[in-house]
Amino acid sequence: MRQRINHEFNGCDEHKNIMENRLLQEITPLGCQRLKEALKDAKLRKAHRDKLLGERK
């Protein structure tokens, strides 16, 4: 049951993984910027997931 609910919000554009491209993870100024963006994105995705499913305990 939990997987079905997870599948619903994983399909949202908000939950698209922006770090799928391995080249964006390199330790370069651009890579560092992308990692910071990914962290910010992960926090937004967690907030959205908590809003949809309720906060985990």
C-alpha atoms as a PDB file:
ATOM      1  CA  MET A   1       0.000   0.000   0.000  1.00  0.00           C
ATOM      2  CA  ARG A   2       2.792   2.402   0.883  1.00  0.00           C
ATOM      3  CA  GLN A   3       4.516   1.831  -2.471  1.00  0.00           C
ATOM      4  CA  ARG A   4       1.413   2.864  -4.399  1.00  0.00           C
ATOM      5  CA  ILE A   5       1.278   6.173  -2.505  1.00  0.00           C
ATOM      6  CA  ASN A   6       5.020   6.721  -3.048  1.00  0.00           C
ATOM      7  CA  HIS A   7       4.604   6.035  -6.762  1.00  0.00           C
ATOM      8  CA  GLU A   8       1.986   8.800  -7.042  1.00  0.00           C
ATOM      9  CA  PHE A   9       4.240  11.608  -5.857  1.00  0.00           C
ATOM     10  CA  ASN A  10       7.426  10.224  -7.423  1.00  0.00           C
ATOM     11  CA  GLY A  11       5.807  10.839 -10.802  1.00  0.00           C
ATOM     12  CA  CYS A  12       5.455  14.570 -10.072  1.00  0.00           C
ATOM     13  CA  ASP A  13       7.794  16.996 -11.839  1.00  0.00           C
ATOM     14  CA  GLU A  14       8.803  18.252  -8.403  1.00  0.00           C
ATOM     15  CA  HIS A  15      10.372  14.879  -7.662  1.00  0.00           C
ATOM     16  CA  LYS A  16      12.473  14.473 -10.783  1.00  0.00           C
ATOM     17  CA  ASN A  17      16.031  13.665  -9.733  1.00  0.00           C
ATOM     18  CA  ILE A  18      18.227  16.458 -11.083  1.00  0.00           C
ATOM     19  CA  MET A  19      21.440  14.589 -10.207  1.00  0.00           C
ATOM     20  CA  GLU A  20      20.891  11.577 -12.485  1.00  0.00           C
ATOM     21  CA  ASN A  21      23.625  12.846 -14.812  1.00  0.00           C
ATOM     22  CA  ARG A  22      26.987  11.692 -13.374  1.00  0.00           C
ATOM     23  CA  LEU A  23      28.857  14.535 -15.105  1.00  0.00           C
ATOM     24  CA  LEU A  24      27.002  17.048 -12.923  1.00  0.00           C
ATOM     25  CA  GLN A  25      28.438  15.386  -9.790  1.00  0.00           C
ATOM     26  CA  GLU A  26      32.087  16.120 -10.583  1.00  0.00           C
ATOM     27  CA  ILE A  27      34.056  18.334  -8.198  1.00  0.00           C
ATOM     28  CA  THR A  28      34.121  21.455 -10.308  1.00  0.00           C
ATOM     29  CA  PRO A  29      32.550  24.844  -9.673  1.00  0.00           C
ATOM     30  CA  LEU A  30      29.577  23.755 -11.782  1.00  0.00           C
ATOM     31  CA  GLY A  31      29.438  20.378 -10.011  1.00  0.00           C
ATOM     32  CA  CYS A  32      29.482  22.055  -6.590  1.00  0.00           C
ATOM     33  CA  GLN A  33      26.692  24.379  -7.667  1.00  0.00           C
ATOM     34  CA  ARG A  34      24.642  21.408  -8.906  1.00  0.00           C
ATOM     35  CA  LEU A  35      25.186  19.544  -5.616  1.00  0.00           C
ATOM     36  CA  LYS A  36      23.936  22.580  -3.677  1.00  0.00           C
ATOM     37  CA  GLU A  37      20.909  22.763  -5.969  1.00  0.00           C
ATOM     38  CA  ALA A  38      20.309  19.036  -5.444  1.00  0.00           C
ATOM     39  CA  LEU A  39      20.371  19.475  -1.654  1.00  0.00           C
ATOM     40  CA  LYS A  40      17.896  22.343  -1.881  1.00  0.00           C
ATOM     41  CA  ASP A  41      15.743  20.263  -4.243  1.00  0.00           C
ATOM     42  CA  ALA A  42      15.861  17.290  -1.861  1.00  0.00           C
ATOM     43  CA  LYS A  43      14.636  19.475   0.998  1.00  0.00           C
ATOM     44  CA  LEU A  44      11.742  20.719  -1.144  1.00  0.00           C
ATOM     45  CA  ARG A  45      10.886  17.154  -2.208  1.00  0.00           C
ATOM     46  CA  LYS A  46      10.933  16.005   1.439  1.00  0.00           C
ATOM     47  CA  ALA A  47       8.613  18.836   2.446  1.00  0.00           C
ATOM     48  CA  HIS A  48       6.261  17.954  -0.408  1.00  0.00           C
ATOM     49  CA  ARG A  49       6.356  14.244   0.512  1.00  0.00           C
ATOM     50  CA  ASP A  50       5.646  15.044   4.164  1.00  0.00           C
ATOM     51  CA  LYS A  51       2.733  17.237   3.104  1.00  0.00           C
ATOM     52  CA  LEU A  52       1.244  14.440   0.977  1.00  0.00           C
ATOM     53  CA  LEU A  53       1.917  11.476   3.258  1.00  0.00           C
ATOM     54  CA  GLY A  54       2.193  13.046   6.666  1.00  0.00           C
ATOM     55  CA  GLU A  55       5.439  13.506   8.540  1.00  0.00           C
ATOM     56  CA  ARG A  56       7.362  10.335   9.376  1.00  0.00           C
ATOM     57  CA  LYS A  57       8.077   9.555  12.993  1.00  0.00           C
END
